[in-house]
Amino acid sequence: MTVPETPGNGSVNDFVFVSGRLSLDLAGTLLWRRSRRIELLSRPDDLRRWIHQAGLLDAPGSLDARALQRVCRLREAVYVLVRAWPLAPAADDDLREALAEVNEASRLPLPRHQLDEAGQLTRTGGVDEVLGAVARDAVDLMGGADFTRVRECQNEECTRLFVDLSRSTNRRWCGMAECGNRHKVASYRKRRQQAQ
C-alpha cells in the first residue's frame, strides 16, 4: 500500500470544491488514490481549514487527532460506497461496514444555523455536526436521482468523483483548473509533435 504524501504549507484556499456535493468534496481530499496518494487532511489544522472553506462551520471548535481520524474514516466510507453503489447482495464486509459508518454518522446532529438581527448568519457546531452534514449529504446523494450523474474524472491518474450537472451530461473532468487544463496541454503538445 502506498503511503500518502502530504502537501507543504497550505494556502488560504488550498481545497477545491468541484464535485457538486459536500460528501464528494470531502472524498476528494485524498488525491491520486491509484498512484502517489496525496493526503490533504494530514493534521487537525488541515481539517479546520477544510471545514471553514466548505462553509460548514464558522469556528469548528476543538479539533484533535481523534476528530481528524473520525472525519477521514467517514471520507473513506463515502468513497468506497459511492464507487460500489448500489451494493450487490453478496457485498463484502468492508462495504457493509462502510454503509453502517455512513448511516450512523447521518444520525448525528447538523450544524446550527442562526441569524442575528442584522441578518448575519452564524454556523456553529463541532466534529459531530460536520460528520452529520457530510453523511447526510452522502445518504441523500446515493438515495436520490442525482446519483445517476456521479462520474469519476477521466484523467486516468485522478480519482475525484463529481456530480455531472451539465446540461449535456458530458462533463469529463473534475475541474478545468486541475485535470481539464492538463489534458488540454498534453493534447496540444501531442498535436505539435505530430505536426513536426
Protein backbone atom coordinates (compact mmCIF):
# COMPACT_ATOMS: atom_id res chain seq x y z
CA MET A 1 0.00 0.00 0.00
CA THR A 2 1.30 3.43 -0.92
CA VAL A 3 1.75 5.85 1.96
CA PRO A 4 0.02 9.15 1.17
CA GLU A 5 2.19 12.20 0.61
CA THR A 6 1.26 15.37 2.40
CA PRO A 7 1.45 18.72 0.67
CA GLY A 8 3.54 21.59 2.06
CA ASN A 9 2.06 24.53 3.89
CA GLY A 10 -1.49 25.08 2.75
CA SER A 11 -2.50 28.33 1.16
CA VAL A 12 -5.58 30.26 2.22
CA ASN A 13 -7.79 28.48 -0.35
CA ASP A 14 -5.97 25.21 -0.82
CA PHE A 15 -9.01 22.94 -1.18
CA VAL A 16 -11.11 22.68 -4.31
CA PHE A 17 -14.87 22.20 -4.24
CA VAL A 18 -15.70 20.98 -7.74
CA SER A 19 -17.62 17.80 -7.00
CA GLY A 20 -21.06 19.31 -6.70
CA ARG A 21 -21.69 17.60 -3.35
CA LEU A 22 -20.17 18.10 0.08
CA SER A 23 -19.57 14.38 0.62
CA LEU A 24 -17.71 14.01 -2.69
CA ASP A 25 -15.65 17.12 -1.98
CA LEU A 26 -14.56 15.51 1.29
CA ALA A 27 -13.76 12.26 -0.56
CA GLY A 28 -11.58 14.37 -2.86
CA THR A 29 -9.25 15.35 -0.02
CA LEU A 30 -7.22 12.21 -0.71
CA LEU A 31 -5.84 12.79 -4.21
CA TRP A 32 -4.46 10.39 -6.81
CA ARG A 33 -5.60 7.26 -4.94
CA ARG A 34 -4.28 4.89 -7.64
CA SER A 35 -0.78 6.29 -7.74
CA ARG A 36 1.03 8.75 -5.49
CA ARG A 37 -1.81 9.33 -2.96
CA ILE A 38 -1.63 12.89 -1.62
CA GLU A 39 -3.35 13.41 1.73
CA LEU A 40 -4.78 16.91 2.13
CA LEU A 41 -6.05 16.27 5.67
CA SER A 42 -2.89 15.26 7.47
CA ARG A 43 -3.30 17.49 10.56
CA PRO A 44 -6.20 18.83 12.61
CA ASP A 45 -5.43 22.32 11.25
CA ASP A 46 -5.97 20.99 7.71
CA LEU A 47 -9.37 19.72 8.78
CA ARG A 48 -10.18 23.08 10.37
CA ARG A 49 -9.37 24.87 7.09
CA TRP A 50 -11.43 22.38 5.05
CA ILE A 51 -14.45 22.82 7.35
CA HIS A 52 -14.21 26.60 7.06
CA GLN A 53 -13.64 26.60 3.28
CA ALA A 54 -16.54 24.16 2.82
CA GLY A 55 -18.78 26.67 4.61
CA LEU A 56 -19.84 24.15 7.26
CA LEU A 57 -18.90 26.00 10.44
CA ASP A 58 -17.59 29.47 11.18
CA ALA A 59 -15.38 28.24 14.03
CA PRO A 60 -15.22 24.46 14.35
CA GLY A 61 -14.05 24.48 17.95
CA SER A 62 -11.61 21.94 19.31
CA LEU A 63 -10.28 19.54 16.70
CA ASP A 64 -7.69 16.94 17.60
CA ALA A 65 -6.19 13.82 16.06
CA ARG A 66 -9.27 11.80 17.03
CA ALA A 67 -11.59 14.25 15.23
CA LEU A 68 -9.36 14.06 12.15
CA GLN A 69 -9.41 10.26 12.30
CA ARG A 70 -13.22 10.21 12.51
CA VAL A 71 -13.60 12.52 9.51
CA CYS A 72 -11.07 10.54 7.44
CA ARG A 73 -12.82 7.28 8.32
CA LEU A 74 -16.13 8.71 7.09
CA ARG A 75 -14.40 10.10 3.99
CA GLU A 76 -13.14 6.63 3.07
CA ALA A 77 -16.52 5.04 3.77
CA VAL A 78 -18.20 7.56 1.45
CA TYR A 79 -15.64 7.00 -1.29
CA VAL A 80 -15.88 3.19 -1.33
CA LEU A 81 -19.68 3.25 -1.08
CA VAL A 82 -20.19 5.69 -3.94
CA ARG A 83 -17.85 3.66 -6.15
CA ALA A 84 -19.70 0.41 -5.35
CA TRP A 85 -23.26 1.74 -5.11
CA PRO A 86 -25.77 0.14 -5.20
CA LEU A 87 -24.38 -2.72 -3.18
CA ALA A 88 -24.66 -6.19 -4.61
CA PRO A 89 -26.45 -8.79 -2.46
CA ALA A 90 -23.09 -10.52 -1.96
CA ALA A 91 -21.25 -7.31 -0.98
CA ASP A 92 -18.21 -7.91 1.18
CA ASP A 93 -17.97 -7.00 4.85
CA ASP A 94 -15.90 -3.86 4.15
CA LEU A 95 -18.71 -2.38 2.05
CA ARG A 96 -21.32 -3.28 4.65
CA GLU A 97 -19.16 -1.65 7.35
CA ALA A 98 -18.82 1.47 5.18
CA LEU A 99 -22.60 1.62 4.82
CA ALA A 100 -23.03 1.25 8.59
CA GLU A 101 -20.45 4.04 9.12
CA VAL A 102 -22.29 6.44 6.81
CA ASN A 103 -25.72 5.58 8.22
CA GLU A 104 -24.52 6.00 11.80
CA ALA A 105 -22.93 9.38 11.05
CA SER A 106 -26.07 10.54 9.21
CA ARG A 107 -27.96 10.34 12.52
CA LEU A 108 -25.63 12.90 14.13
CA PRO A 109 -26.83 16.50 14.53
CA LEU A 110 -26.38 19.04 11.75
CA PRO A 111 -24.59 22.38 12.12
CA ARG A 112 -26.71 25.00 13.89
CA HIS A 113 -27.58 27.99 11.70
CA GLN A 114 -28.80 31.21 13.26
CA LEU A 115 -29.37 34.76 12.08
CA ASP A 116 -28.80 37.83 14.19
CA GLU A 117 -30.94 40.96 13.91
CA ALA A 118 -28.65 42.38 11.19
CA GLY A 119 -29.12 39.28 9.06
CA GLN A 120 -25.65 37.85 9.77
CA LEU A 121 -25.57 34.05 9.52
CA THR A 122 -23.66 32.07 12.14
CA ARG A 123 -22.88 28.37 11.69
CA THR A 124 -21.85 26.58 14.86
CA GLY A 125 -21.04 23.06 15.94
CA GLY A 126 -18.18 20.63 16.26
CA VAL A 127 -16.92 17.48 14.63
CA ASP A 128 -20.22 15.62 15.21
CA GLU A 129 -22.09 18.27 13.22
CA VAL A 130 -19.50 18.09 10.41
CA LEU A 131 -19.85 14.30 10.28
CA GLY A 132 -23.63 14.60 10.35
CA ALA A 133 -23.69 17.07 7.45
CA VAL A 134 -21.29 15.06 5.27
CA ALA A 135 -23.01 11.74 5.94
CA ARG A 136 -26.48 13.20 5.39
CA ASP A 137 -25.28 14.59 2.06
CA ALA A 138 -23.90 11.16 1.08
CA VAL A 139 -27.16 9.42 2.02
CA ASP A 140 -29.19 11.98 0.05
CA LEU A 141 -26.87 11.57 -2.93
CA MET A 142 -26.92 7.76 -3.00
CA GLY A 143 -30.66 7.64 -2.35
CA GLY A 144 -31.59 10.35 -4.85
CA ALA A 145 -31.90 10.97 -8.56
CA ASP A 146 -28.54 12.78 -8.83
CA PHE A 147 -26.68 9.54 -8.20
CA THR A 148 -27.08 8.54 -11.85
CA ARG A 149 -24.94 11.60 -12.69
CA VAL A 150 -21.97 10.67 -10.48
CA ARG A 151 -18.79 10.34 -12.54
CA GLU A 152 -15.10 9.81 -11.96
CA CYS A 153 -12.71 12.29 -13.56
CA GLN A 154 -11.45 10.96 -16.90
CA ASN A 155 -7.86 11.89 -16.10
CA GLU A 156 -6.59 8.34 -15.59
CA GLU A 157 -4.46 9.49 -12.63
CA CYS A 158 -7.29 11.35 -10.90
CA THR A 159 -9.78 9.56 -8.67
CA ARG A 160 -12.02 12.51 -7.83
CA LEU A 161 -15.75 11.83 -8.04
CA PHE A 162 -18.25 14.50 -9.06
CA VAL A 163 -21.89 15.00 -9.98
CA ASP A 164 -22.24 15.99 -13.64
CA LEU A 165 -24.85 18.72 -13.56
CA SER A 166 -24.03 19.99 -17.04
CA ARG A 167 -26.97 20.35 -19.40
CA SER A 168 -25.45 17.89 -21.88
CA THR A 169 -24.30 15.50 -19.11
CA ASN A 170 -20.93 15.05 -20.81
CA ARG A 171 -18.57 16.61 -18.26
CA ARG A 172 -15.27 14.76 -18.37
CA TRP A 173 -13.06 16.41 -15.78
CA CYS A 174 -13.35 17.03 -12.07
CA GLY A 175 -12.33 20.60 -12.82
CA MET A 176 -10.68 22.54 -15.60
CA ALA A 177 -8.07 24.09 -13.31
CA GLU A 178 -6.64 20.71 -12.39
CA CYS A 179 -7.35 17.91 -14.82
CA GLY A 180 -9.04 19.64 -17.75
CA ASN A 181 -6.15 22.02 -18.39
CA ARG A 182 -3.59 19.23 -18.00
CA HIS A 183 -5.41 17.27 -20.68
CA LYS A 184 -5.61 20.30 -22.98
CA VAL A 185 -1.87 20.97 -22.61
CA ALA A 186 -0.98 17.32 -23.23
CA SER A 187 -3.22 17.20 -26.32
CA TYR A 188 -1.67 20.42 -27.65
CA ARG A 189 1.87 19.05 -27.19
CA LYS A 190 0.92 15.80 -28.90
CA ARG A 191 -0.55 17.67 -31.89
CA ARG A 192 2.59 19.83 -32.17
CA GLN A 193 4.84 16.78 -32.09
CA GLN A 194 2.76 15.07 -34.78
CA ALA A 195 2.83 18.21 -36.93
CA GLN A 196 6.63 18.34 -36.75
